[in-house]
Amino acid sequence: MGLYKHLKETWNENPRELVKSRLQEWRREPSVNRIERPTRLDRARSVGYKAKKGFLIVRVRLLRGGRRRPMLRSGRKSSTSRRLKILTMNYQNVAEQRANRQFLNCEVLNSYFLAKDGLHYWYEVVLADRAQCSKYAGYEWLAHPSQRGRVFRGLTKSGRKARGLLSKGKGAEKNRPSKTARYKYKYSLKRRRFGH
């Protein structure tokens, strides 16, 4: 059995026991904290991390819970008003964006789930310095202008998942090129049909 496969199986057997002692320390850290080496080396390597200059690992802590509006106690409300916010962005994507705002000269390659308790989620985000890492073989695409701010445009794995782009074929016909583009196209057809 290879090293990374062994690490993966060790983590999957009982992840709660592996992080239980570390959670007390992580709760005292800043919410966005750069660390020296990844906690889960197998996951970090699988999403693009390399132990070279220019690659960063950032641990991000997020508050858990449903996203709700404050209670409205007076006034007329529309029939469609609801307290629960219907948002398409997932927690992992929020963690990636917070990490990128701290390190503006880097681009987010990917991220992975680390731990959770009753109050928080923890994710580790892999970032790459554009100037440094674009010199490495296989990472030349980082220097292209179209890759600037990729996490804010939903181009990472978690962003594409939130946009519905991980599924293909039957049932996913209206997800491409994006849900907004599909809506605008449908609306333009309606306007042409009724002459508005």
C-alpha atoms as a PDB file:
ATOM      1  CA  MET A   1       0.000   0.000   0.000  1.00  0.00           C
ATOM      2  CA  GLY A   2       1.340   3.425  -0.955  1.00  0.00           C
ATOM      3  CA  LEU A   3       1.814   6.264   1.503  1.00  0.00           C
ATOM      4  CA  TYR A   4      -1.068   8.415   0.287  1.00  0.00           C
ATOM      5  CA  LYS A   5      -3.491   5.500   0.214  1.00  0.00           C
ATOM      6  CA  HIS A   6      -2.477   4.617   3.774  1.00  0.00           C
ATOM      7  CA  LEU A   7      -3.003   8.240   4.898  1.00  0.00           C
ATOM      8  CA  LYS A   8      -6.430   8.287   3.267  1.00  0.00           C
ATOM      9  CA  GLU A   9      -7.563   5.056   4.923  1.00  0.00           C
ATOM     10  CA  THR A  10      -6.236   6.188   8.318  1.00  0.00           C
ATOM     11  CA  TRP A  11      -8.214   9.416   8.046  1.00  0.00           C
ATOM     12  CA  ASN A  12     -11.399   7.730   6.813  1.00  0.00           C
ATOM     13  CA  GLU A  13     -11.416   5.127   9.611  1.00  0.00           C
ATOM     14  CA  ASN A  14     -11.987   7.634  12.434  1.00  0.00           C
ATOM     15  CA  PRO A  15     -11.543  11.299  11.436  1.00  0.00           C
ATOM     16  CA  ARG A  16     -13.185  12.565  14.637  1.00  0.00           C
ATOM     17  CA  GLU A  17     -10.477  11.075  16.842  1.00  0.00           C
ATOM     18  CA  LEU A  18      -7.706  12.527  14.663  1.00  0.00           C
ATOM     19  CA  VAL A  19      -8.940  16.127  14.987  1.00  0.00           C
ATOM     20  CA  LYS A  20     -10.574  16.084  18.422  1.00  0.00           C
ATOM     21  CA  SER A  21      -7.420  17.136  20.256  1.00  0.00           C
ATOM     22  CA  ARG A  22      -6.532  19.722  17.608  1.00  0.00           C
ATOM     23  CA  LEU A  23      -9.911  21.482  17.610  1.00  0.00           C
ATOM     24  CA  GLN A  24      -9.188  23.262  20.891  1.00  0.00           C
ATOM     25  CA  GLU A  25      -6.108  24.850  19.344  1.00  0.00           C
ATOM     26  CA  TRP A  26      -7.847  25.650  16.047  1.00  0.00           C
ATOM     27  CA  ARG A  27     -10.647  27.504  17.848  1.00  0.00           C
ATOM     28  CA  ARG A  28      -8.106  29.919  19.363  1.00  0.00           C
ATOM     29  CA  GLU A  29      -6.458  30.647  15.987  1.00  0.00           C
ATOM     30  CA  PRO A  30      -7.496  33.485  13.641  1.00  0.00           C
ATOM     31  CA  SER A  31     -10.338  32.603  11.275  1.00  0.00           C
ATOM     32  CA  VAL A  32      -7.956  32.754   8.284  1.00  0.00           C
ATOM     33  CA  ASN A  33      -4.597  31.284   9.272  1.00  0.00           C
ATOM     34  CA  ARG A  34      -1.640  30.398   7.050  1.00  0.00           C
ATOM     35  CA  ILE A  35       0.020  27.116   8.084  1.00  0.00           C
ATOM     36  CA  GLU A  36       3.373  25.574   7.237  1.00  0.00           C
ATOM     37  CA  ARG A  37       2.231  22.169   5.972  1.00  0.00           C
ATOM     38  CA  PRO A  38      -1.147  20.578   5.174  1.00  0.00           C
ATOM     39  CA  THR A  39      -3.025  18.602   7.811  1.00  0.00           C
ATOM     40  CA  ARG A  40      -4.191  16.086   5.198  1.00  0.00           C
ATOM     41  CA  LEU A  41      -1.284  15.594   2.831  1.00  0.00           C
ATOM     42  CA  ASP A  42      -3.130  13.123   0.591  1.00  0.00           C
ATOM     43  CA  ARG A  43      -6.036  15.545  -0.027  1.00  0.00           C
ATOM     44  CA  ALA A  44      -3.718  18.526  -0.496  1.00  0.00           C
ATOM     45  CA  ARG A  45      -1.692  16.700  -3.138  1.00  0.00           C
ATOM     46  CA  SER A  46      -4.830  15.526  -4.929  1.00  0.00           C
ATOM     47  CA  VAL A  47      -6.105  19.116  -5.339  1.00  0.00           C
ATOM     48  CA  GLY A  48      -2.843  20.569  -6.652  1.00  0.00           C
ATOM     49  CA  TYR A  49      -0.495  21.256  -3.720  1.00  0.00           C
ATOM     50  CA  LYS A  50       3.250  20.769  -4.147  1.00  0.00           C
ATOM     51  CA  ALA A  51       6.003  21.296  -1.574  1.00  0.00           C
ATOM     52  CA  LYS A  52       7.617  24.069  -3.626  1.00  0.00           C
ATOM     53  CA  LYS A  53       8.082  27.810  -3.303  1.00  0.00           C
ATOM     54  CA  GLY A  54       4.920  29.722  -4.088  1.00  0.00           C
ATOM     55  CA  PHE A  55       2.367  27.185  -2.806  1.00  0.00           C
ATOM     56  CA  LEU A  56       0.472  28.182   0.356  1.00  0.00           C
ATOM     57  CA  ILE A  57      -1.892  26.341   2.673  1.00  0.00           C
ATOM     58  CA  VAL A  58      -4.478  28.402   4.556  1.00  0.00           C
ATOM     59  CA  ARG A  59      -6.827  27.040   7.211  1.00  0.00           C
ATOM     60  CA  VAL A  60     -10.200  28.847   7.248  1.00  0.00           C
ATOM     61  CA  ARG A  61     -12.798  28.700  10.035  1.00  0.00           C
ATOM     62  CA  LEU A  62     -16.460  29.431   9.225  1.00  0.00           C
ATOM     63  CA  LEU A  63     -19.543  29.725  11.390  1.00  0.00           C
ATOM     64  CA  ARG A  64     -22.067  26.964  10.767  1.00  0.00           C
ATOM     65  CA  GLY A  65     -25.804  27.336  10.578  1.00  0.00           C
ATOM     66  CA  GLY A  66     -28.583  28.243   8.192  1.00  0.00           C
ATOM     67  CA  ARG A  67     -28.465  31.665   6.620  1.00  0.00           C
ATOM     68  CA  ARG A  68     -31.515  33.520   7.850  1.00  0.00           C
ATOM     69  CA  ARG A  69     -32.777  37.070   7.757  1.00  0.00           C
ATOM     70  CA  PRO A  70     -33.554  38.876  11.007  1.00  0.00           C
ATOM     71  CA  MET A  71     -37.088  38.479  12.298  1.00  0.00           C
ATOM     72  CA  LEU A  72     -39.510  41.029  10.822  1.00  0.00           C
ATOM     73  CA  ARG A  73     -42.032  41.803  13.525  1.00  0.00           C
ATOM     74  CA  SER A  74     -44.155  44.488  11.883  1.00  0.00           C
ATOM     75  CA  GLY A  75     -45.227  45.742   8.486  1.00  0.00           C
ATOM     76  CA  ARG A  76     -46.794  44.144   5.476  1.00  0.00           C
ATOM     77  CA  LYS A  77     -44.855  41.283   3.884  1.00  0.00           C
ATOM     78  CA  SER A  78     -45.191  39.866   0.412  1.00  0.00           C
ATOM     79  CA  SER A  79     -46.498  36.341  -0.020  1.00  0.00           C
ATOM     80  CA  THR A  80     -43.039  35.204  -1.207  1.00  0.00           C
ATOM     81  CA  SER A  81     -41.110  36.580   1.772  1.00  0.00           C
ATOM     82  CA  ARG A  82     -39.222  34.012   3.792  1.00  0.00           C
ATOM     83  CA  ARG A  83     -36.631  34.123   6.534  1.00  0.00           C
ATOM     84  CA  LEU A  84     -34.401  31.443   5.044  1.00  0.00           C
ATOM     85  CA  LYS A  85     -32.020  32.858   2.437  1.00  0.00           C
ATOM     86  CA  ILE A  86     -31.857  30.754  -0.709  1.00  0.00           C
ATOM     87  CA  LEU A  87     -28.200  31.076  -1.702  1.00  0.00           C
ATOM     88  CA  THR A  88     -26.296  29.138  -4.323  1.00  0.00           C
ATOM     89  CA  MET A  89     -22.835  29.617  -2.822  1.00  0.00           C
ATOM     90  CA  ASN A  90     -21.709  26.783  -0.546  1.00  0.00           C
ATOM     91  CA  TYR A  91     -19.571  27.088   2.587  1.00  0.00           C
ATOM     92  CA  GLN A  92     -16.458  25.749   0.864  1.00  0.00           C
ATOM     93  CA  ASN A  93     -16.664  28.464  -1.781  1.00  0.00           C
ATOM     94  CA  VAL A  94     -17.049  31.115   0.937  1.00  0.00           C
ATOM     95  CA  ALA A  95     -13.913  29.761   2.656  1.00  0.00           C
ATOM     96  CA  GLU A  96     -11.934  29.948  -0.603  1.00  0.00           C
ATOM     97  CA  GLN A  97     -12.974  33.545  -1.202  1.00  0.00           C
ATOM     98  CA  ARG A  98     -12.015  34.616   2.328  1.00  0.00           C
ATOM     99  CA  ALA A  99      -8.589  33.027   1.923  1.00  0.00           C
ATOM    100  CA  ASN A 100      -8.034  34.751  -1.426  1.00  0.00           C
ATOM    101  CA  ARG A 101      -8.947  38.161   0.012  1.00  0.00           C
ATOM    102  CA  GLN A 102      -6.097  37.772   2.518  1.00  0.00           C
ATOM    103  CA  PHE A 103      -3.555  36.768  -0.161  1.00  0.00           C
ATOM    104  CA  LEU A 104      -4.325  38.927  -3.188  1.00  0.00           C
ATOM    105  CA  ASN A 105      -1.226  37.997  -5.216  1.00  0.00           C
ATOM    106  CA  CYS A 106      -2.269  34.317  -5.179  1.00  0.00           C
ATOM    107  CA  GLU A 107      -4.904  32.268  -6.947  1.00  0.00           C
ATOM    108  CA  VAL A 108      -6.972  29.529  -5.312  1.00  0.00           C
ATOM    109  CA  LEU A 109      -6.252  26.132  -6.818  1.00  0.00           C
ATOM    110  CA  ASN A 110      -8.714  24.179  -4.707  1.00  0.00           C
ATOM    111  CA  SER A 111      -9.712  23.311  -1.159  1.00  0.00           C
ATOM    112  CA  TYR A 112     -10.872  20.397   0.949  1.00  0.00           C
ATOM    113  CA  PHE A 113     -12.959  19.757   4.049  1.00  0.00           C
ATOM    114  CA  LEU A 114     -11.055  19.364   7.301  1.00  0.00           C
ATOM    115  CA  ALA A 115     -13.366  19.205  10.333  1.00  0.00           C
ATOM    116  CA  LYS A 116     -16.533  20.511  11.944  1.00  0.00           C
ATOM    117  CA  ASP A 117     -18.015  20.896  15.381  1.00  0.00           C
ATOM    118  CA  GLY A 118     -21.318  22.275  16.640  1.00  0.00           C
ATOM    119  CA  LEU A 119     -20.359  25.859  15.791  1.00  0.00           C
ATOM    120  CA  HIS A 120     -17.717  25.863  13.040  1.00  0.00           C
ATOM    121  CA  TYR A 121     -16.515  24.360   9.770  1.00  0.00           C
ATOM    122  CA  TRP A 122     -12.805  24.165   8.929  1.00  0.00           C
ATOM    123  CA  TYR A 123     -11.446  24.023   5.387  1.00  0.00           C
ATOM    124  CA  GLU A 124      -7.894  24.072   4.088  1.00  0.00           C
ATOM    125  CA  VAL A 125      -7.372  26.119   0.926  1.00  0.00           C
ATOM    126  CA  VAL A 126      -4.462  25.618  -1.497  1.00  0.00           C
ATOM    127  CA  LEU A 127      -3.230  28.866  -3.046  1.00  0.00           C
ATOM    128  CA  ALA A 128      -0.502  29.449  -5.628  1.00  0.00           C
ATOM    129  CA  ASP A 129       1.565  32.568  -6.185  1.00  0.00           C
ATOM    130  CA  ARG A 130       0.926  33.620  -9.793  1.00  0.00           C
ATOM    131  CA  ALA A 131       4.470  34.884 -10.533  1.00  0.00           C
ATOM    132  CA  GLN A 132       6.293  31.992  -8.855  1.00  0.00           C
ATOM    133  CA  CYS A 133       4.145  28.966  -9.683  1.00  0.00           C
ATOM    134  CA  SER A 134       3.512  29.824 -13.341  1.00  0.00           C
ATOM    135  CA  LYS A 135       7.182  28.908 -13.971  1.00  0.00           C
ATOM    136  CA  TYR A 136       6.577  25.275 -12.962  1.00  0.00           C
ATOM    137  CA  ALA A 137       5.666  22.644 -15.535  1.00  0.00           C
ATOM    138  CA  GLY A 138       1.910  22.097 -15.656  1.00  0.00           C
ATOM    139  CA  TYR A 139       1.103  25.413 -13.947  1.00  0.00           C
ATOM    140  CA  GLU A 140       1.800  27.806 -16.841  1.00  0.00           C
ATOM    141  CA  TRP A 141      -1.929  28.565 -17.088  1.00  0.00           C
ATOM    142  CA  LEU A 142      -1.749  30.590 -13.850  1.00  0.00           C
ATOM    143  CA  ALA A 143      -0.044  33.461 -15.711  1.00  0.00           C
ATOM    144  CA  HIS A 144      -2.950  33.830 -18.171  1.00  0.00           C
ATOM    145  CA  PRO A 145      -5.134  36.917 -17.513  1.00  0.00           C
ATOM    146  CA  SER A 146      -8.323  34.818 -17.745  1.00  0.00           C
ATOM    147  CA  GLN A 147      -7.335  33.047 -14.507  1.00  0.00           C
ATOM    148  CA  ARG A 148      -7.335  36.231 -12.415  1.00  0.00           C
ATOM    149  CA  GLY A 149      -9.896  36.069  -9.615  1.00  0.00           C
ATOM    150  CA  ARG A 150     -11.042  32.577 -10.614  1.00  0.00           C
ATOM    151  CA  VAL A 151     -12.508  31.813  -7.171  1.00  0.00           C
ATOM    152  CA  PHE A 152     -14.813  34.858  -7.381  1.00  0.00           C
ATOM    153  CA  ARG A 153     -16.160  33.678 -10.747  1.00  0.00           C
ATOM    154  CA  GLY A 154     -16.968  30.132  -9.662  1.00  0.00           C
ATOM    155  CA  LEU A 155     -14.116  28.398 -11.515  1.00  0.00           C
ATOM    156  CA  THR A 156     -12.884  26.207  -8.649  1.00  0.00           C
ATOM    157  CA  LYS A 157     -14.334  22.765  -7.960  1.00  0.00           C
ATOM    158  CA  SER A 158     -16.672  23.992  -5.208  1.00  0.00           C
ATOM    159  CA  GLY A 159     -17.737  26.969  -7.358  1.00  0.00           C
ATOM    160  CA  ARG A 160     -18.553  24.719 -10.302  1.00  0.00           C
ATOM    161  CA  LYS A 161     -20.493  22.415  -7.993  1.00  0.00           C
ATOM    162  CA  ALA A 162     -22.581  25.353  -6.735  1.00  0.00           C
ATOM    163  CA  ARG A 163     -23.267  26.382 -10.342  1.00  0.00           C
ATOM    164  CA  GLY A 164     -24.452  22.872 -11.229  1.00  0.00           C
ATOM    165  CA  LEU A 165     -21.625  22.213 -13.708  1.00  0.00           C
ATOM    166  CA  LEU A 166     -20.416  18.902 -12.265  1.00  0.00           C
ATOM    167  CA  SER A 167     -23.362  17.039 -13.784  1.00  0.00           C
ATOM    168  CA  LYS A 168     -23.674  16.433 -17.519  1.00  0.00           C
ATOM    169  CA  GLY A 169     -26.254  15.030 -19.863  1.00  0.00           C
ATOM    170  CA  LYS A 170     -29.871  14.347 -19.028  1.00  0.00           C
ATOM    171  CA  GLY A 171     -31.245  16.683 -16.377  1.00  0.00           C
ATOM    172  CA  ALA A 172     -28.435  19.227 -16.753  1.00  0.00           C
ATOM    173  CA  GLU A 173     -29.435  20.774 -20.085  1.00  0.00           C
ATOM    174  CA  LYS A 174     -30.227  24.191 -18.585  1.00  0.00           C
ATOM    175  CA  ASN A 175     -27.049  24.578 -16.529  1.00  0.00           C
ATOM    176  CA  ARG A 176     -24.772  25.572 -19.391  1.00  0.00           C
ATOM    177  CA  PRO A 177     -23.245  27.993 -20.161  1.00  0.00           C
ATOM    178  CA  SER A 178     -24.770  29.227 -16.882  1.00  0.00           C
ATOM    179  CA  LYS A 179     -28.176  29.403 -15.228  1.00  0.00           C
ATOM    180  CA  THR A 180     -28.256  33.195 -15.660  1.00  0.00           C
ATOM    181  CA  ALA A 181     -27.407  32.962 -19.361  1.00  0.00           C
ATOM    182  CA  ARG A 182     -30.139  30.361 -19.830  1.00  0.00           C
ATOM    183  CA  TYR A 183     -32.660  32.584 -18.044  1.00  0.00           C
ATOM    184  CA  LYS A 184     -31.744  35.605 -20.190  1.00  0.00           C
ATOM    185  CA  TYR A 185     -32.073  33.523 -23.356  1.00  0.00           C
ATOM    186  CA  LYS A 186     -35.499  32.245 -22.298  1.00  0.00           C
ATOM    187  CA  TYR A 187     -36.618  35.789 -21.404  1.00  0.00           C
ATOM    188  CA  SER A 188     -35.429  37.157 -24.772  1.00  0.00           C
ATOM    189  CA  LEU A 189     -37.437  34.457 -26.616  1.00  0.00           C
ATOM    190  CA  LYS A 190     -40.555  35.455 -24.674  1.00  0.00           C
ATOM    191  CA  ARG A 191     -40.048  39.126 -25.523  1.00  0.00           C
ATOM    192  CA  ARG A 192     -39.653  38.307 -29.220  1.00  0.00           C
ATOM    193  CA  ARG A 193     -42.716  36.111 -29.171  1.00  0.00           C
ATOM    194  CA  PHE A 194     -44.975  38.749 -27.633  1.00  0.00           C
ATOM    195  CA  GLY A 195     -43.366  41.736 -29.367  1.00  0.00           C
ATOM    196  CA  HIS A 196     -42.123  43.647 -26.312  1.00  0.00           C
END
